[in-house]
Amino acid sequence: MPSTAPRRALTAAAFGFTVLFVTSCSAGQDRAAPRQAPAANAAQKPVAAATSTATTPADDPVLAEVDGSDNLTLRVTGAQRSQGGKWLTLRGTITNAGRSQFYGTNKWRGDFRNLAKSPQSVAGATIVDEASAKRYYVLRDTTGLCLCTTHIQRVEAGKSLPFTAQFPAPPADSAELGFQLPGFPVATFTMGG
């Protein structure tokens, strides 16, 4: 009766070669690398992830400030139109003046489709233009990812969290706008120039 040992060795070698081949073909692909949302204007690309900082930078002017629940304060520190005037990039901070960390950031992402693509973000933010009676929502890229700060897990006690969000720009003659994030009242600010 013929021995099956050579067949087993040949089968094991073929299996090992297949595993080695498949592994080496996929070795160049980093599947865990975070995706970057393409921004319309590279100079105004939103921050991809957020971390708490000790204070708000002194050189950032405060255009608007509102208090929310849980000892949180939202500040709008910048609003800039793109060169072509099609997009508005808004910058701000959320400060936790409380004694404990704030974990209720999920409400900031809103309740729209594609939430899984913009987890723990400020995707629920809107710009309110009362003069033209319109509300503008955070822009999304072609895959549904918001053009805004993502991965906001918490706001540490006594610290500030910077954020950015990009919107379609309201008309150039709309000077007074409002920024609204779920959990905060509207923060009204005036656009310069």
N, C-alpha and C. Protein backbone atom coordinates (compact mmCIF):
# COMPACT_ATOMS: atom_id res chain seq x y z
N MET A 1 0.84 -1.16 0.00
CA MET A 1 0.00 0.00 0.00
C MET A 1 0.89 1.24 0.00
N PRO A 2 0.62 2.25 -0.92
CA PRO A 2 1.47 3.43 -1.02
C PRO A 2 1.33 4.30 0.23
N SER A 3 2.43 4.95 0.58
CA SER A 3 2.47 5.81 1.77
C SER A 3 1.78 7.15 1.48
N THR A 4 1.04 7.69 2.47
CA THR A 4 0.36 8.99 2.31
C THR A 4 1.20 10.12 2.87
N ALA A 5 2.35 9.81 3.45
CA ALA A 5 3.21 10.84 4.03
C ALA A 5 3.69 11.84 2.98
N PRO A 6 4.14 11.39 1.78
CA PRO A 6 4.57 12.37 0.78
C PRO A 6 3.43 13.27 0.31
N ARG A 7 2.22 12.71 0.21
CA ARG A 7 1.06 13.53 -0.18
C ARG A 7 0.75 14.58 0.87
N ARG A 8 0.82 14.21 2.14
CA ARG A 8 0.56 15.16 3.22
C ARG A 8 1.62 16.26 3.20
N ALA A 9 2.86 15.90 2.99
CA ALA A 9 3.93 16.89 2.95
C ALA A 9 3.74 17.84 1.78
N LEU A 10 3.35 17.30 0.61
CA LEU A 10 3.11 18.13 -0.57
C LEU A 10 1.91 19.05 -0.34
N THR A 11 0.84 18.54 0.28
CA THR A 11 -0.34 19.35 0.58
C THR A 11 0.01 20.45 1.58
N ALA A 12 0.76 20.13 2.60
CA ALA A 12 1.17 21.12 3.60
C ALA A 12 2.04 22.19 2.96
N ALA A 13 2.95 21.80 2.09
CA ALA A 13 3.82 22.77 1.41
C ALA A 13 3.01 23.69 0.51
N ALA A 14 2.04 23.13 -0.22
CA ALA A 14 1.18 23.95 -1.09
C ALA A 14 0.35 24.93 -0.27
N PHE A 15 -0.18 24.48 0.86
CA PHE A 15 -0.96 25.34 1.73
C PHE A 15 -0.09 26.47 2.29
N GLY A 16 1.10 26.12 2.74
CA GLY A 16 2.02 27.12 3.28
C GLY A 16 2.40 28.15 2.23
N PHE A 17 2.66 27.71 1.00
CA PHE A 17 2.99 28.62 -0.08
C PHE A 17 1.82 29.56 -0.36
N THR A 18 0.59 29.03 -0.36
CA THR A 18 -0.59 29.84 -0.61
C THR A 18 -0.74 30.92 0.47
N VAL A 19 -0.58 30.55 1.72
CA VAL A 19 -0.68 31.51 2.83
C VAL A 19 0.40 32.57 2.70
N LEU A 20 1.63 32.15 2.39
CA LEU A 20 2.73 33.08 2.24
C LEU A 20 2.47 34.04 1.08
N PHE A 21 1.96 33.52 -0.03
CA PHE A 21 1.67 34.35 -1.20
C PHE A 21 0.58 35.38 -0.90
N VAL A 22 -0.52 34.94 -0.31
CA VAL A 22 -1.62 35.85 0.02
C VAL A 22 -1.16 36.90 1.02
N THR A 23 -0.39 36.52 2.02
CA THR A 23 0.10 37.47 3.02
C THR A 23 1.02 38.49 2.39
N SER A 24 1.92 38.07 1.51
CA SER A 24 2.85 39.02 0.90
C SER A 24 2.15 39.95 -0.06
N CYS A 25 1.08 39.50 -0.72
CA CYS A 25 0.34 40.36 -1.64
C CYS A 25 -0.42 41.45 -0.91
N SER A 26 -0.89 41.16 0.29
CA SER A 26 -1.68 42.15 1.02
C SER A 26 -0.84 42.91 2.04
N ALA A 27 0.46 42.63 2.12
CA ALA A 27 1.30 43.29 3.12
C ALA A 27 1.41 44.78 2.89
N GLY A 28 1.29 45.26 1.66
CA GLY A 28 1.42 46.68 1.37
C GLY A 28 0.17 47.48 1.69
N GLN A 29 -0.92 46.82 2.01
CA GLN A 29 -2.17 47.51 2.29
C GLN A 29 -2.33 47.69 3.78
N ASP A 30 -2.45 48.93 4.21
CA ASP A 30 -2.67 49.22 5.63
C ASP A 30 -4.15 49.47 5.83
N ARG A 31 -4.87 48.45 6.22
CA ARG A 31 -6.32 48.57 6.35
C ARG A 31 -6.74 49.34 7.59
N ALA A 32 -5.84 49.50 8.55
CA ALA A 32 -6.19 50.22 9.77
C ALA A 32 -5.85 51.70 9.67
N ALA A 33 -5.25 52.13 8.56
CA ALA A 33 -4.89 53.54 8.43
C ALA A 33 -6.15 54.39 8.35
N PRO A 34 -6.22 55.50 9.08
CA PRO A 34 -7.40 56.35 9.05
C PRO A 34 -7.53 57.04 7.69
N ARG A 35 -8.77 57.21 7.26
CA ARG A 35 -9.04 57.89 6.00
C ARG A 35 -9.11 59.38 6.24
N GLN A 36 -8.61 60.12 5.31
CA GLN A 36 -8.69 61.57 5.37
C GLN A 36 -9.79 62.02 4.43
N ALA A 37 -10.66 62.89 4.90
CA ALA A 37 -11.71 63.44 4.06
C ALA A 37 -11.11 64.48 3.12
N PRO A 38 -11.39 64.38 1.82
CA PRO A 38 -10.85 65.40 0.93
C PRO A 38 -11.58 66.71 1.18
N ALA A 39 -10.84 67.78 1.31
CA ALA A 39 -11.42 69.09 1.52
C ALA A 39 -11.40 69.85 0.21
N ALA A 40 -12.34 70.74 0.06
CA ALA A 40 -12.43 71.52 -1.16
C ALA A 40 -11.24 72.45 -1.30
N ASN A 41 -10.72 72.90 -0.19
CA ASN A 41 -9.59 73.81 -0.22
C ASN A 41 -8.58 73.29 0.78
N ALA A 42 -7.41 72.87 0.32
CA ALA A 42 -6.42 72.23 1.19
C ALA A 42 -6.02 73.11 2.35
N ALA A 43 -6.04 74.41 2.19
CA ALA A 43 -5.65 75.32 3.28
C ALA A 43 -6.70 75.35 4.38
N GLN A 44 -7.91 74.90 4.07
CA GLN A 44 -8.99 74.95 5.04
C GLN A 44 -9.44 73.55 5.44
N LYS A 45 -8.56 72.57 5.34
CA LYS A 45 -8.90 71.19 5.64
C LYS A 45 -9.23 71.04 7.12
N PRO A 46 -10.41 70.46 7.46
CA PRO A 46 -10.80 70.30 8.85
C PRO A 46 -9.88 69.34 9.60
N VAL A 47 -9.86 69.46 10.89
CA VAL A 47 -9.08 68.58 11.75
C VAL A 47 -9.73 67.21 11.74
N ALA A 48 -8.93 66.16 11.64
CA ALA A 48 -9.46 64.81 11.54
C ALA A 48 -9.83 64.23 12.90
N ALA A 49 -9.11 64.54 13.92
CA ALA A 49 -9.40 64.00 15.25
C ALA A 49 -9.17 65.08 16.28
N ALA A 50 -9.83 64.94 17.40
CA ALA A 50 -9.78 65.99 18.41
C ALA A 50 -9.12 65.51 19.69
N THR A 51 -8.41 66.41 20.32
CA THR A 51 -7.86 66.16 21.65
C THR A 51 -8.07 67.41 22.48
N SER A 52 -8.28 67.22 23.76
CA SER A 52 -8.49 68.35 24.65
C SER A 52 -7.19 69.10 24.86
N THR A 53 -7.29 70.41 24.96
CA THR A 53 -6.13 71.24 25.24
C THR A 53 -6.39 72.01 26.53
N ALA A 54 -5.34 72.53 27.11
CA ALA A 54 -5.47 73.21 28.40
C ALA A 54 -6.28 74.48 28.31
N THR A 55 -6.04 75.29 27.31
CA THR A 55 -6.75 76.56 27.19
C THR A 55 -6.98 76.91 25.74
N THR A 56 -7.79 77.94 25.51
CA THR A 56 -7.99 78.45 24.17
C THR A 56 -6.82 79.36 23.83
N PRO A 57 -6.23 79.22 22.64
CA PRO A 57 -5.12 80.10 22.29
C PRO A 57 -5.52 81.57 22.40
N ALA A 58 -4.63 82.38 22.96
CA ALA A 58 -4.94 83.78 23.21
C ALA A 58 -5.11 84.58 21.93
N ASP A 59 -4.48 84.14 20.83
CA ASP A 59 -4.58 84.90 19.60
C ASP A 59 -5.84 84.61 18.80
N ASP A 60 -6.67 83.68 19.22
CA ASP A 60 -7.94 83.42 18.56
C ASP A 60 -9.02 84.32 19.15
N PRO A 61 -9.57 85.22 18.35
CA PRO A 61 -10.64 86.08 18.86
C PRO A 61 -11.91 85.24 19.04
N VAL A 62 -12.72 85.62 19.97
CA VAL A 62 -13.99 84.94 20.20
C VAL A 62 -15.07 85.72 19.47
N LEU A 63 -15.64 85.10 18.43
CA LEU A 63 -16.69 85.75 17.65
C LEU A 63 -18.05 85.58 18.31
N ALA A 64 -18.24 84.47 19.02
CA ALA A 64 -19.50 84.20 19.72
C ALA A 64 -19.24 83.20 20.83
N GLU A 65 -20.03 83.27 21.87
CA GLU A 65 -19.89 82.35 23.00
C GLU A 65 -21.26 82.06 23.58
N VAL A 66 -21.55 80.78 23.81
CA VAL A 66 -22.81 80.37 24.44
C VAL A 66 -22.53 79.26 25.45
N ASP A 67 -23.34 79.23 26.48
CA ASP A 67 -23.23 78.18 27.50
C ASP A 67 -24.25 77.10 27.22
N GLY A 68 -23.80 75.85 27.34
CA GLY A 68 -24.68 74.70 27.19
C GLY A 68 -24.88 74.03 28.54
N SER A 69 -25.38 72.83 28.51
CA SER A 69 -25.58 72.09 29.76
C SER A 69 -24.25 71.47 30.21
N ASP A 70 -24.24 70.91 31.38
CA ASP A 70 -23.09 70.17 31.92
C ASP A 70 -21.80 71.00 32.00
N ASN A 71 -21.94 72.30 32.30
CA ASN A 71 -20.78 73.20 32.45
C ASN A 71 -19.95 73.34 31.18
N LEU A 72 -20.58 73.20 30.01
CA LEU A 72 -19.88 73.33 28.74
C LEU A 72 -20.10 74.73 28.15
N THR A 73 -19.06 75.28 27.55
CA THR A 73 -19.15 76.56 26.85
C THR A 73 -18.63 76.37 25.44
N LEU A 74 -19.39 76.83 24.46
CA LEU A 74 -19.00 76.76 23.06
C LEU A 74 -18.56 78.15 22.61
N ARG A 75 -17.40 78.21 21.98
CA ARG A 75 -16.90 79.48 21.44
C ARG A 75 -16.64 79.32 19.94
N VAL A 76 -17.11 80.27 19.17
CA VAL A 76 -16.77 80.35 17.75
C VAL A 76 -15.57 81.27 17.67
N THR A 77 -14.44 80.75 17.16
CA THR A 77 -13.20 81.53 17.14
C THR A 77 -12.75 81.89 15.72
N GLY A 78 -13.43 81.41 14.72
CA GLY A 78 -13.06 81.76 13.36
C GLY A 78 -14.11 81.31 12.37
N ALA A 79 -14.33 82.14 11.35
CA ALA A 79 -15.24 81.81 10.26
C ALA A 79 -14.63 82.41 9.00
N GLN A 80 -14.27 81.56 8.05
CA GLN A 80 -13.58 82.04 6.87
C GLN A 80 -14.18 81.42 5.61
N ARG A 81 -14.49 82.29 4.65
CA ARG A 81 -14.98 81.82 3.35
C ARG A 81 -13.79 81.36 2.50
N SER A 82 -14.02 80.39 1.64
CA SER A 82 -12.98 79.96 0.72
C SER A 82 -12.74 81.06 -0.31
N GLN A 83 -11.65 80.97 -1.05
CA GLN A 83 -11.31 82.00 -2.02
C GLN A 83 -12.42 82.20 -3.04
N GLY A 84 -13.03 81.15 -3.49
CA GLY A 84 -14.12 81.27 -4.46
C GLY A 84 -15.46 81.61 -3.81
N GLY A 85 -15.50 81.62 -2.49
CA GLY A 85 -16.73 81.97 -1.78
C GLY A 85 -17.76 80.86 -1.73
N LYS A 86 -17.37 79.62 -2.03
CA LYS A 86 -18.34 78.52 -2.05
C LYS A 86 -18.48 77.82 -0.70
N TRP A 87 -17.42 77.87 0.12
CA TRP A 87 -17.43 77.16 1.39
C TRP A 87 -17.11 78.09 2.54
N LEU A 88 -17.62 77.73 3.69
CA LEU A 88 -17.36 78.46 4.92
C LEU A 88 -16.76 77.48 5.92
N THR A 89 -15.56 77.76 6.40
CA THR A 89 -14.93 76.91 7.42
C THR A 89 -15.05 77.62 8.75
N LEU A 90 -15.62 76.92 9.71
CA LEU A 90 -15.83 77.49 11.03
C LEU A 90 -14.93 76.77 12.03
N ARG A 91 -14.28 77.53 12.89
CA ARG A 91 -13.42 76.99 13.95
C ARG A 91 -14.00 77.41 15.30
N GLY A 92 -13.77 76.58 16.28
CA GLY A 92 -14.23 76.92 17.62
C GLY A 92 -13.66 75.98 18.67
N THR A 93 -14.12 76.18 19.88
CA THR A 93 -13.72 75.33 21.00
C THR A 93 -14.94 75.02 21.84
N ILE A 94 -14.86 73.90 22.52
CA ILE A 94 -15.86 73.54 23.54
C ILE A 94 -15.07 73.34 24.82
N THR A 95 -15.41 74.13 25.84
CA THR A 95 -14.69 74.09 27.11
C THR A 95 -15.55 73.45 28.18
N ASN A 96 -14.95 72.56 28.94
CA ASN A 96 -15.61 71.90 30.05
C ASN A 96 -15.13 72.55 31.34
N ALA A 97 -15.98 73.38 31.94
CA ALA A 97 -15.63 74.04 33.19
C ALA A 97 -16.01 73.20 34.41
N GLY A 98 -16.50 72.00 34.17
CA GLY A 98 -16.91 71.13 35.27
C GLY A 98 -15.74 70.41 35.92
N ARG A 99 -16.07 69.60 36.93
CA ARG A 99 -15.05 68.86 37.67
C ARG A 99 -14.89 67.43 37.18
N SER A 100 -15.74 67.03 36.25
CA SER A 100 -15.63 65.66 35.73
C SER A 100 -15.64 65.70 34.21
N GLN A 101 -15.13 64.62 33.61
CA GLN A 101 -15.08 64.53 32.16
C GLN A 101 -16.49 64.46 31.59
N PHE A 102 -16.66 65.02 30.39
CA PHE A 102 -17.95 65.00 29.71
C PHE A 102 -17.88 63.97 28.58
N TYR A 103 -18.79 62.98 28.62
CA TYR A 103 -18.80 61.91 27.63
C TYR A 103 -20.01 61.96 26.70
N GLY A 104 -20.88 62.93 26.82
CA GLY A 104 -22.11 62.99 26.03
C GLY A 104 -21.94 63.60 24.65
N THR A 105 -20.85 63.26 23.98
CA THR A 105 -20.55 63.88 22.69
C THR A 105 -21.32 63.28 21.51
N ASN A 106 -21.95 62.15 21.68
CA ASN A 106 -22.67 61.51 20.57
C ASN A 106 -23.78 62.38 20.01
N LYS A 107 -24.40 63.20 20.84
CA LYS A 107 -25.49 64.05 20.35
C LYS A 107 -24.99 65.11 19.37
N TRP A 108 -23.71 65.41 19.39
CA TRP A 108 -23.17 66.44 18.50
C TRP A 108 -23.11 65.99 17.04
N ARG A 109 -23.19 64.70 16.80
CA ARG A 109 -23.10 64.21 15.42
C ARG A 109 -24.42 64.32 14.68
N GLY A 110 -25.50 64.64 15.36
CA GLY A 110 -26.79 64.78 14.70
C GLY A 110 -27.46 63.45 14.47
N ASP A 111 -28.52 63.47 13.66
CA ASP A 111 -29.27 62.24 13.43
C ASP A 111 -29.52 61.97 11.94
N PHE A 112 -28.57 62.30 11.11
CA PHE A 112 -28.71 62.10 9.68
C PHE A 112 -28.15 60.76 9.24
N ARG A 113 -28.39 60.43 7.95
CA ARG A 113 -27.83 59.21 7.38
C ARG A 113 -26.31 59.28 7.43
N ASN A 114 -25.68 58.16 7.27
CA ASN A 114 -24.23 58.03 7.23
C ASN A 114 -23.55 58.40 8.55
N LEU A 115 -24.26 58.24 9.66
CA LEU A 115 -23.64 58.55 10.95
C LEU A 115 -22.47 57.63 11.23
N ALA A 116 -22.53 56.42 10.75
CA ALA A 116 -21.43 55.49 10.99
C ALA A 116 -20.14 55.99 10.34
N LYS A 117 -20.26 56.82 9.32
CA LYS A 117 -19.07 57.34 8.64
C LYS A 117 -18.52 58.58 9.32
N SER A 118 -19.25 59.16 10.25
CA SER A 118 -18.78 60.34 10.97
C SER A 118 -19.00 60.14 12.47
N PRO A 119 -18.37 59.12 13.05
CA PRO A 119 -18.62 58.82 14.46
C PRO A 119 -18.02 59.88 15.38
N GLN A 120 -18.69 60.12 16.48
CA GLN A 120 -18.20 61.02 17.51
C GLN A 120 -17.64 62.30 16.89
N SER A 121 -18.51 63.03 16.22
CA SER A 121 -18.09 64.21 15.48
C SER A 121 -19.02 65.38 15.77
N VAL A 122 -18.77 66.49 15.09
CA VAL A 122 -19.67 67.64 15.16
C VAL A 122 -20.49 67.73 13.87
N ALA A 123 -20.80 66.55 13.27
CA ALA A 123 -21.55 66.49 12.01
C ALA A 123 -22.97 67.01 12.14
N GLY A 124 -23.49 67.14 13.34
CA GLY A 124 -24.84 67.66 13.54
C GLY A 124 -24.91 69.17 13.61
N ALA A 125 -23.78 69.83 13.44
CA ALA A 125 -23.74 71.30 13.49
C ALA A 125 -24.41 71.90 12.26
N THR A 126 -24.95 73.10 12.43
CA THR A 126 -25.55 73.84 11.32
C THR A 126 -25.18 75.31 11.41
N ILE A 127 -25.24 75.97 10.26
CA ILE A 127 -25.12 77.42 10.19
C ILE A 127 -26.51 77.93 9.89
N VAL A 128 -26.96 78.91 10.64
CA VAL A 128 -28.29 79.49 10.47
C VAL A 128 -28.13 80.88 9.88
N ASP A 129 -28.78 81.11 8.74
CA ASP A 129 -28.79 82.43 8.10
C ASP A 129 -30.23 82.93 8.12
N GLU A 130 -30.55 83.71 9.14
CA GLU A 130 -31.93 84.18 9.28
C GLU A 130 -32.32 85.17 8.20
N ALA A 131 -31.36 85.93 7.66
CA ALA A 131 -31.66 86.91 6.62
C ALA A 131 -32.22 86.23 5.37
N SER A 132 -31.67 85.09 4.99
CA SER A 132 -32.18 84.37 3.82
C SER A 132 -33.06 83.18 4.22
N ALA A 133 -33.33 83.05 5.51
CA ALA A 133 -34.19 81.98 6.04
C ALA A 133 -33.71 80.60 5.60
N LYS A 134 -32.39 80.35 5.77
CA LYS A 134 -31.83 79.06 5.39
C LYS A 134 -30.96 78.50 6.50
N ARG A 135 -30.85 77.18 6.48
CA ARG A 135 -29.99 76.45 7.40
C ARG A 135 -29.02 75.63 6.55
N TYR A 136 -27.73 75.70 6.88
CA TYR A 136 -26.70 75.01 6.12
C TYR A 136 -26.10 73.90 6.99
N TYR A 137 -25.98 72.71 6.40
CA TYR A 137 -25.48 71.54 7.12
C TYR A 137 -24.00 71.30 6.78
N VAL A 138 -23.30 70.59 7.65
CA VAL A 138 -21.90 70.26 7.44
C VAL A 138 -21.76 69.49 6.14
N LEU A 139 -20.76 69.88 5.36
CA LEU A 139 -20.49 69.19 4.09
C LEU A 139 -20.02 67.76 4.33
N ARG A 140 -20.27 66.90 3.36
CA ARG A 140 -19.82 65.51 3.39
C ARG A 140 -18.96 65.26 2.15
N ASP A 141 -18.01 64.35 2.24
CA ASP A 141 -17.27 63.97 1.04
C ASP A 141 -18.07 62.93 0.27
N THR A 142 -17.51 62.40 -0.81
CA THR A 142 -18.26 61.48 -1.66
C THR A 142 -18.56 60.14 -0.99
N THR A 143 -17.89 59.85 0.12
CA THR A 143 -18.17 58.59 0.83
C THR A 143 -19.12 58.80 2.01
N GLY A 144 -19.52 60.05 2.27
CA GLY A 144 -20.44 60.33 3.36
C GLY A 144 -19.77 60.82 4.63
N LEU A 145 -18.44 60.88 4.65
CA LEU A 145 -17.70 61.35 5.83
C LEU A 145 -17.84 62.86 5.94
N CYS A 146 -18.14 63.35 7.13
CA CYS A 146 -18.31 64.79 7.31
C CYS A 146 -16.98 65.51 7.16
N LEU A 147 -17.03 66.74 6.69
CA LEU A 147 -15.85 67.59 6.64
C LEU A 147 -15.84 68.39 7.93
N CYS A 148 -15.53 67.68 9.00
CA CYS A 148 -15.56 68.27 10.33
C CYS A 148 -14.67 67.43 11.25
N THR A 149 -14.49 67.92 12.46
CA THR A 149 -13.71 67.19 13.46
C THR A 149 -14.45 65.91 13.85
N THR A 150 -13.70 64.80 13.89
CA THR A 150 -14.28 63.51 14.27
C THR A 150 -13.51 62.92 15.44
N HIS A 151 -13.98 61.79 15.93
CA HIS A 151 -13.35 61.04 17.02
C HIS A 151 -13.30 61.85 18.31
N ILE A 152 -14.38 62.53 18.61
CA ILE A 152 -14.48 63.28 19.87
C ILE A 152 -15.11 62.35 20.89
N GLN A 153 -14.30 61.77 21.75
CA GLN A 153 -14.81 60.82 22.73
C GLN A 153 -15.26 61.49 24.02
N ARG A 154 -14.57 62.56 24.39
CA ARG A 154 -14.90 63.23 25.66
C ARG A 154 -14.27 64.62 25.66
N VAL A 155 -14.73 65.43 26.61
CA VAL A 155 -14.08 66.71 26.88
C VAL A 155 -13.63 66.62 28.33
N GLU A 156 -12.34 66.68 28.53
CA GLU A 156 -11.80 66.52 29.88
C GLU A 156 -12.14 67.72 30.75
N ALA A 157 -12.26 67.47 32.04
CA ALA A 157 -12.59 68.53 33.00
C ALA A 157 -11.53 69.62 32.97
N GLY A 158 -11.99 70.87 32.90
CA GLY A 158 -11.09 72.01 32.92
C GLY A 158 -10.32 72.25 31.63
N LYS A 159 -10.69 71.57 30.55
CA LYS A 159 -9.96 71.72 29.30
C LYS A 159 -10.89 72.10 28.15
N SER A 160 -10.26 72.51 27.06
CA SER A 160 -11.00 72.90 25.86
C SER A 160 -10.70 71.94 24.73
N LEU A 161 -11.69 71.73 23.88
CA LEU A 161 -11.57 70.85 22.74
C LEU A 161 -11.76 71.68 21.47
N PRO A 162 -10.75 71.77 20.61
CA PRO A 162 -10.93 72.53 19.36
C PRO A 162 -11.72 71.71 18.34
N PHE A 163 -12.46 72.40 17.47
CA PHE A 163 -13.18 71.72 16.41
C PHE A 163 -13.22 72.62 15.18
N THR A 164 -13.45 71.99 14.03
CA THR A 164 -13.69 72.70 12.78
C THR A 164 -14.83 72.01 12.06
N ALA A 165 -15.52 72.76 11.22
CA ALA A 165 -16.58 72.20 10.38
C ALA A 165 -16.67 73.06 9.13
N GLN A 166 -16.92 72.40 8.00
CA GLN A 166 -17.01 73.12 6.74
C GLN A 166 -18.44 73.02 6.21
N PHE A 167 -18.95 74.17 5.75
CA PHE A 167 -20.34 74.30 5.30
C PHE A 167 -20.38 74.91 3.91
N PRO A 168 -21.52 74.75 3.20
CA PRO A 168 -21.70 75.58 2.01
C PRO A 168 -21.78 77.03 2.50
N ALA A 169 -21.20 77.96 1.77
CA ALA A 169 -21.19 79.35 2.23
C ALA A 169 -22.53 80.02 1.97
N PRO A 170 -23.06 80.71 2.98
CA PRO A 170 -24.24 81.54 2.75
C PRO A 170 -23.89 82.68 1.80
N PRO A 171 -24.87 83.39 1.28
CA PRO A 171 -24.59 84.51 0.39
C PRO A 171 -23.62 85.51 1.04
N ALA A 172 -22.82 86.15 0.22
CA ALA A 172 -21.80 87.09 0.72
C ALA A 172 -22.40 88.25 1.49
N ASP A 173 -23.64 88.62 1.18
CA ASP A 173 -24.26 89.74 1.89
C ASP A 173 -24.89 89.33 3.23
N SER A 174 -24.81 88.05 3.57
CA SER A 174 -25.30 87.58 4.87
C SER A 174 -24.18 87.75 5.89
N ALA A 175 -24.21 88.86 6.60
CA ALA A 175 -23.13 89.18 7.54
C ALA A 175 -23.33 88.54 8.90
N GLU A 176 -24.57 88.44 9.36
CA GLU A 176 -24.84 87.87 10.68
C GLU A 176 -25.34 86.44 10.52
N LEU A 177 -24.58 85.51 11.11
CA LEU A 177 -24.91 84.09 11.02
C LEU A 177 -24.97 83.49 12.41
N GLY A 178 -25.58 82.33 12.50
CA GLY A 178 -25.64 81.61 13.76
C GLY A 178 -25.05 80.22 13.59
N PHE A 179 -24.32 79.77 14.59
CA PHE A 179 -23.77 78.41 14.59
C PHE A 179 -24.52 77.64 15.66
N GLN A 180 -25.03 76.47 15.31
CA GLN A 180 -25.75 75.67 16.29
C GLN A 180 -25.22 74.25 16.30
N LEU A 181 -24.93 73.78 17.49
CA LEU A 181 -24.49 72.41 17.74
C LEU A 181 -25.50 71.81 18.71
N PRO A 182 -25.99 70.59 18.45
CA PRO A 182 -26.96 70.00 19.37
C PRO A 182 -26.48 70.07 20.82
N GLY A 183 -27.37 70.54 21.70
CA GLY A 183 -27.04 70.70 23.12
C GLY A 183 -26.65 72.12 23.49
N PHE A 184 -26.55 73.00 22.50
CA PHE A 184 -26.20 74.40 22.74
C PHE A 184 -27.21 75.31 22.04
N PRO A 185 -27.43 76.49 22.61
CA PRO A 185 -28.25 77.47 21.87
C PRO A 185 -27.46 78.00 20.66
N VAL A 186 -28.11 78.75 19.80
CA VAL A 186 -27.46 79.32 18.62
C VAL A 186 -26.43 80.36 19.07
N ALA A 187 -25.22 80.24 18.52
CA ALA A 187 -24.15 81.21 18.79
C ALA A 187 -24.09 82.15 17.59
N THR A 188 -24.58 83.38 17.76
CA THR A 188 -24.64 84.35 16.67
C THR A 188 -23.33 85.11 16.55
N PHE A 189 -22.84 85.23 15.31
CA PHE A 189 -21.58 85.94 15.07
C PHE A 189 -21.71 86.74 13.78
N THR A 190 -20.82 87.69 13.61
CA THR A 190 -20.81 88.54 12.42
C THR A 190 -19.60 88.18 11.58
N MET A 191 -19.84 87.98 10.29
CA MET A 191 -18.78 87.69 9.35
C MET A 191 -18.03 88.99 9.03
N GLY A 192 -16.73 88.92 9.04
CA GLY A 192 -15.93 90.09 8.66
C GLY A 192 -15.67 90.09 7.17
N GLY A 193 -15.54 91.32 6.58
CA GLY A 193 -15.17 91.50 5.17
C GLY A 193 -15.90 90.60 4.29
